[in-house]
Protein backbone atom coordinates (compact mmCIF):
# COMPACT_ATOMS: atom_id res chain seq x y z
CA MET A 1 -20.39 17.93 14.22
CA THR A 2 -17.11 16.05 14.15
CA THR A 3 -15.43 14.37 11.19
CA TYR A 4 -13.60 11.26 12.39
CA VAL A 5 -10.99 9.71 10.11
CA ILE A 6 -10.89 5.95 10.78
CA GLY A 7 -7.79 3.90 9.99
CA ASP A 8 -7.72 0.66 7.99
CA LEU A 9 -10.45 -1.74 9.13
CA GLN A 10 -9.44 -4.88 7.21
CA GLY A 11 -12.40 -6.80 8.56
CA CYS A 12 -11.93 -5.83 12.23
CA PHE A 13 -15.61 -5.07 12.81
CA ASP A 14 -15.75 -5.62 16.57
CA GLU A 15 -12.84 -3.26 17.13
CA LEU A 16 -14.56 -0.64 14.96
CA GLN A 17 -17.68 -0.81 17.07
CA ALA A 18 -15.61 -0.54 20.24
CA LEU A 19 -13.81 2.51 18.84
CA LEU A 20 -17.07 4.24 17.90
CA GLU A 21 -18.38 3.64 21.40
CA TYR A 22 -15.14 4.97 22.89
CA ILE A 23 -15.34 8.26 20.95
CA ASN A 24 -19.06 8.58 21.71
CA TYR A 25 -19.88 8.62 18.02
CA LYS A 26 -23.24 10.26 17.29
CA PRO A 27 -24.62 9.13 13.91
CA ASP A 28 -27.01 12.06 13.63
CA ASN A 29 -24.25 14.65 14.08
CA ASP A 30 -20.88 13.13 13.25
CA HIS A 31 -19.39 12.08 9.94
CA LEU A 32 -16.95 9.22 9.35
CA TRP A 33 -14.11 9.06 6.87
CA PHE A 34 -12.74 5.57 6.16
CA VAL A 35 -9.24 5.57 4.65
CA GLY A 36 -9.74 2.36 2.67
CA ASP A 37 -8.85 -1.29 3.14
CA ILE A 38 -12.29 -1.90 4.58
CA VAL A 39 -11.90 -5.63 3.96
CA ASN A 40 -9.56 -8.62 3.98
CA ARG A 41 -7.43 -10.62 6.42
CA GLY A 42 -9.58 -9.76 9.43
CA PRO A 43 -12.49 -11.95 10.55
CA LYS A 44 -15.53 -9.83 9.63
CA SER A 45 -14.97 -8.25 6.24
CA LEU A 46 -18.60 -8.65 5.19
CA GLU A 47 -19.86 -6.88 8.30
CA CYS A 48 -17.40 -4.01 7.76
CA LEU A 49 -18.37 -3.58 4.12
CA ARG A 50 -22.10 -3.60 4.85
CA PHE A 51 -21.66 -1.15 7.73
CA VAL A 52 -19.66 1.38 5.71
CA LYS A 53 -22.03 1.10 2.75
CA LYS A 54 -25.06 1.69 4.96
CA LEU A 55 -23.55 4.82 6.50
CA HIS A 56 -22.46 6.06 3.07
CA ASP A 57 -25.94 5.54 1.63
CA GLN A 58 -27.32 7.58 4.52
CA GLY A 59 -24.87 10.41 3.85
CA LYS A 60 -23.02 9.79 7.12
CA ALA A 61 -19.70 8.45 5.82
CA ASP A 62 -17.20 8.59 2.97
CA MET A 63 -14.47 6.14 2.01
CA VAL A 64 -11.62 5.83 -0.45
CA LEU A 65 -10.48 2.66 -2.15
CA GLY A 66 -7.44 0.89 -0.75
CA ASN A 67 -5.33 -1.89 -2.22
CA HIS A 68 -7.32 -4.59 -0.40
CA ASP A 69 -10.56 -3.12 -1.70
CA PHE A 70 -9.15 -3.39 -5.21
CA HIS A 71 -8.18 -6.95 -4.31
CA LEU A 72 -11.82 -7.72 -3.52
CA LEU A 73 -12.95 -6.22 -6.83
CA ALA A 74 -10.37 -8.41 -8.58
CA ALA A 75 -11.49 -11.56 -6.75
CA TYR A 76 -15.11 -10.85 -7.65
CA SER A 77 -14.03 -10.43 -11.28
CA GLY A 78 -12.32 -13.82 -11.29
CA LEU A 79 -8.70 -12.69 -11.13
CA GLU A 80 -7.51 -15.69 -9.11
CA LYS A 81 -3.76 -15.13 -9.47
CA PHE A 82 -3.92 -12.41 -6.83
CA THR A 83 -5.69 -14.53 -4.20
CA SER A 84 -3.81 -15.53 -1.06
CA LYS A 85 -4.21 -17.98 1.82
CA SER A 86 -4.51 -14.99 4.15
CA ASP A 87 -7.53 -13.58 2.29
CA THR A 88 -10.86 -13.50 4.13
CA LEU A 89 -13.10 -12.55 1.23
CA THR A 90 -15.10 -15.75 0.77
CA GLN A 91 -17.93 -14.61 3.03
CA ILE A 92 -18.41 -11.51 0.87
CA LEU A 93 -18.16 -13.36 -2.43
CA GLU A 94 -20.79 -15.87 -1.28
CA ALA A 95 -23.13 -13.28 0.28
CA PRO A 96 -26.61 -12.86 -1.26
CA ASP A 97 -26.01 -9.12 -1.63
CA VAL A 98 -22.53 -9.41 -3.14
CA ASP A 99 -23.53 -7.86 -6.48
CA LYS A 100 -24.94 -4.76 -4.77
CA LEU A 101 -21.92 -4.48 -2.49
CA ILE A 102 -19.45 -4.72 -5.37
CA ASP A 103 -21.42 -2.36 -7.58
CA TRP A 104 -21.29 0.21 -4.78
CA LEU A 105 -17.65 -0.42 -3.88
CA ARG A 106 -16.32 -0.01 -7.42
CA GLN A 107 -17.83 3.47 -7.63
CA GLN A 108 -16.02 4.79 -4.56
CA PRO A 109 -13.32 7.45 -5.07
CA LEU A 110 -9.57 7.48 -4.55
CA LEU A 111 -9.64 10.92 -2.92
CA VAL A 112 -12.13 12.73 -0.71
CA THR A 113 -12.02 16.45 0.11
CA HIS A 114 -13.40 17.99 3.29
CA PRO A 115 -16.20 20.51 2.57
CA VAL A 116 -14.87 23.09 5.08
CA PHE A 117 -11.24 22.45 5.98
CA HIS A 118 -8.22 22.18 3.70
CA ALA A 119 -8.03 18.45 4.24
CA ILE A 120 -8.15 15.43 1.97
CA MET A 121 -8.23 11.68 2.49
CA VAL A 122 -6.45 9.06 0.39
CA HIS A 123 -5.46 5.50 1.14
CA ALA A 124 -1.68 5.54 0.69
CA GLY A 125 -0.52 9.02 -0.26
CA VAL A 126 -0.13 11.76 -2.85
CA PRO A 127 3.05 11.89 -4.98
CA PRO A 128 5.18 14.94 -4.16
CA GLN A 129 5.02 16.33 -7.70
CA TRP A 130 1.22 16.61 -7.73
CA THR A 131 -0.73 19.60 -6.49
CA ILE A 132 -4.00 18.92 -4.68
CA SER A 133 -5.92 20.14 -7.71
CA GLU A 134 -4.03 17.74 -9.96
CA ALA A 135 -4.51 14.87 -7.52
CA GLN A 136 -8.25 15.50 -7.45
CA SER A 137 -8.39 15.44 -11.23
CA TYR A 138 -6.32 12.26 -11.55
CA ALA A 139 -8.42 10.47 -8.93
CA LYS A 140 -11.54 11.26 -10.93
CA GLU A 141 -10.02 9.67 -14.04
CA VAL A 142 -9.82 6.32 -12.26
CA GLN A 143 -13.25 6.66 -10.66
CA GLN A 144 -14.79 7.33 -14.07
CA GLN A 145 -13.09 4.22 -15.45
CA LEU A 146 -14.42 2.06 -12.59
CA CYS A 147 -17.94 3.41 -13.20
CA ARG A 148 -17.92 2.25 -16.80
CA PRO A 149 -19.88 -0.87 -17.85
CA ASP A 150 -16.59 -2.54 -18.85
CA TRP A 151 -14.89 -1.85 -15.51
CA GLN A 152 -14.01 -5.52 -15.05
CA ASP A 153 -11.97 -5.58 -18.25
CA PHE A 154 -9.92 -2.66 -16.92
CA LEU A 155 -9.44 -4.39 -13.58
CA VAL A 156 -8.59 -7.86 -14.86
CA ASN A 157 -6.51 -7.04 -17.93
CA HIS A 158 -4.92 -3.66 -17.31
CA LEU A 159 -4.81 -2.51 -13.67
CA PHE A 160 -2.41 -4.75 -11.78
CA GLY A 161 1.34 -4.30 -12.06
CA SER A 162 4.08 -1.99 -10.80
CA GLU A 163 4.94 -0.24 -14.05
CA PRO A 164 5.26 2.55 -14.90
CA LYS A 165 6.99 3.79 -11.76
CA ASN A 166 7.62 7.27 -13.12
CA TRP A 167 4.94 9.87 -13.68
CA HIS A 168 4.83 11.99 -16.80
CA ASN A 169 2.02 14.35 -17.77
CA SER A 170 2.21 12.73 -21.18
CA LEU A 171 1.30 9.29 -19.82
CA THR A 172 -1.84 8.01 -21.48
CA GLY A 173 -4.16 5.04 -21.44
CA TYR A 174 -3.82 2.21 -18.96
CA ASP A 175 -0.23 3.12 -18.03
CA ARG A 176 -1.52 6.46 -16.78
CA LEU A 177 -4.39 4.91 -14.83
CA ARG A 178 -2.12 2.23 -13.35
CA TYR A 179 0.34 4.80 -11.99
CA ILE A 180 -2.51 6.82 -10.50
CA VAL A 181 -3.97 3.79 -8.72
CA ASN A 182 -0.57 2.63 -7.48
CA ALA A 183 0.21 6.08 -6.10
CA PHE A 184 -3.08 6.50 -4.27
CA ALA A 185 -3.48 2.90 -3.10
CA ARG A 186 0.01 1.34 -2.76
CA MET A 187 2.68 4.01 -2.33
CA ARG A 188 4.90 4.29 0.72
CA TYR A 189 8.30 5.32 -0.63
CA CYS A 190 9.24 7.32 -3.71
CA ASP A 191 11.91 9.75 -4.85
CA ALA A 192 11.56 13.52 -5.07
CA ASN A 193 10.09 13.23 -8.56
CA GLY A 194 7.50 10.63 -7.58
CA LYS A 195 9.28 7.50 -8.85
CA LEU A 196 7.59 4.71 -6.89
CA GLU A 197 9.45 2.08 -4.83
CA PHE A 198 7.34 -0.86 -3.66
CA LYS A 199 9.92 -3.17 -2.04
CA LEU A 200 10.42 -0.99 1.03
CA LYS A 201 7.61 -1.43 3.55
CA SER A 202 9.05 -0.88 7.02
CA ALA A 203 9.16 2.38 8.97
CA PRO A 204 11.79 4.93 7.88
CA ASN A 205 15.27 4.48 9.41
CA ASN A 206 16.97 7.74 8.43
CA ASN A 207 18.87 6.10 5.58
CA GLN A 208 20.37 8.19 2.81
CA SER A 209 18.52 6.46 -0.01
CA LYS A 210 16.88 8.62 -2.65
CA TYR A 211 13.68 6.78 -1.80
CA GLN A 212 11.98 8.35 1.19
CA PRO A 213 8.46 8.46 2.61
CA TRP A 214 6.35 10.30 0.06
CA PHE A 215 5.50 13.13 2.46
CA VAL A 216 8.98 14.26 3.64
CA PHE A 217 10.28 16.04 0.53
CA PRO A 218 10.75 19.78 1.15
CA LYS A 219 9.41 20.73 -2.28
CA ARG A 220 6.30 18.55 -2.05
CA ARG A 221 3.60 20.46 -3.92
CA ASN A 222 0.57 19.34 -1.88
CA LYS A 223 1.50 20.70 1.56
CA ASP A 224 -1.24 23.32 1.42
CA TYR A 225 -3.73 20.65 2.58
CA GLU A 226 -3.69 18.26 5.53
CA VAL A 227 -3.49 14.77 4.06
CA PHE A 228 -5.06 11.85 5.94
CA PHE A 229 -3.98 8.38 4.90
CA GLY A 230 -3.67 4.77 6.06
CA HIS A 231 -2.01 1.76 4.40
CA TRP A 232 1.32 1.94 6.28
CA SER A 233 0.88 0.05 9.56
CA THR A 234 4.60 -0.07 10.36
CA LEU A 235 4.78 3.73 10.19
CA GLY A 236 2.60 4.19 13.26
CA ALA A 237 0.88 7.39 14.34
CA ILE A 238 2.30 10.50 12.70
CA ASP A 239 0.93 14.03 12.80
CA ALA A 240 3.65 16.04 11.06
CA TYR A 241 4.68 17.24 7.59
CA HIS A 242 1.01 18.26 7.06
CA VAL A 243 0.00 14.57 7.06
CA HIS A 244 -1.79 12.28 9.48
CA ALA A 245 -1.16 8.52 9.42
CA THR A 246 -4.14 6.52 10.66
CA ASP A 247 -3.23 2.86 10.08
CA THR A 248 -1.90 1.92 13.52
CA GLY A 249 -1.88 -1.82 12.99
CA CYS A 250 -5.17 -3.04 14.41
CA LEU A 251 -5.00 -6.19 12.30
CA TRP A 252 -1.59 -7.02 13.76
CA GLY A 253 -2.59 -6.52 17.40
CA GLY A 254 -1.80 -2.80 17.46
CA LYS A 255 -4.44 -0.09 17.74
CA MET A 256 -7.39 1.24 15.77
CA THR A 257 -7.37 5.00 15.26
CA ALA A 258 -9.97 7.73 14.89
CA TYR A 259 -8.70 11.26 14.23
CA ALA A 260 -11.10 14.16 14.85
CA ILE A 261 -10.40 16.78 12.18
CA GLU A 262 -12.21 19.65 13.88
CA SER A 263 -10.54 19.29 17.29
CA LYS A 264 -7.25 17.78 16.01
CA GLN A 265 -7.51 14.95 18.51
CA ARG A 266 -6.36 11.38 18.01
CA PHE A 267 -8.26 8.52 19.66
CA THR A 268 -7.08 4.90 19.78
CA ILE A 269 -8.12 1.58 21.26
CA ASP A 270 -6.03 -1.56 21.69
CA CYS A 271 -6.85 -4.41 19.33
CA GLN A 272 -6.60 -8.17 19.46
CA GLN A 273 -4.21 -9.75 17.01
CA HIS A 274 -5.86 -11.36 13.99
CA CYS A 275 -2.77 -11.87 11.84
CA LYS A 276 0.91 -12.28 12.52
CA PRO A 277 3.15 -9.60 10.98
CA LYS A 278 5.22 -10.85 8.06
CA LEU A 279 7.68 -7.97 7.83
CA LYS A 280 11.30 -8.87 8.38
CA LYS A 281 14.04 -6.72 9.79
CA ASN A 282 15.34 -5.75 6.37
CA SER A 283 11.85 -4.40 5.53
CA LYS A 284 11.26 -6.63 2.53
CA GLN A 285 8.15 -8.79 2.55
């Protein structure tokens, strides 16, 4: 059995199928981990969502929620101010099985732990001040909130926003939940204490800023596990610092990645470009 960690799909269904064929994926023996951002901007978001749900229901796959998956939950809940011309969610929202898809999606976790290896999967990262045990506990707080009958009230009225940027154990209520979601689903850069910085999106350039990629801090408290994540397409493939970056920019004409945990092998296929990158040289989008 092999556990393959698959980078951000974002609606690139044909490329996913080509990648699974390339790695000789065996549904009866192998298990797939999807790092989130299953949907949006690519051409076949509905097909991707149905495919991942089917495998999950069969016990053959796990996923974590990414920022674009939260975006879909928000669109379904009527939060129109976060919609964009580049969204490709209409096909899902108009699908006959949309209620079942959304009800399943909202119950997915922010963190998945491997049953054998010291490895976890998140969408964006784990703040350096959190241990793995703490991260697991915080992720469950958000999952429990999304499983509540009033989950749409939380999503529409309390989730979105970039504050607070600092973590304190004393944080409570929606501020606490918002930081947790932003860390797991949006983070790229932070300082050594986990203060989040959202304006920087490009690859690191060895600058002396206090804001650095979340995984490089020497005193990071979650280095006892291998952390698999996506979200950061401009970062590229990285297998260092006890982390593995899997978003290799398929949506932008880069590659789609599958990382085999057991054999520590990385597999990639070239992808057609569906969207034009919007990042500028100064890294602000």
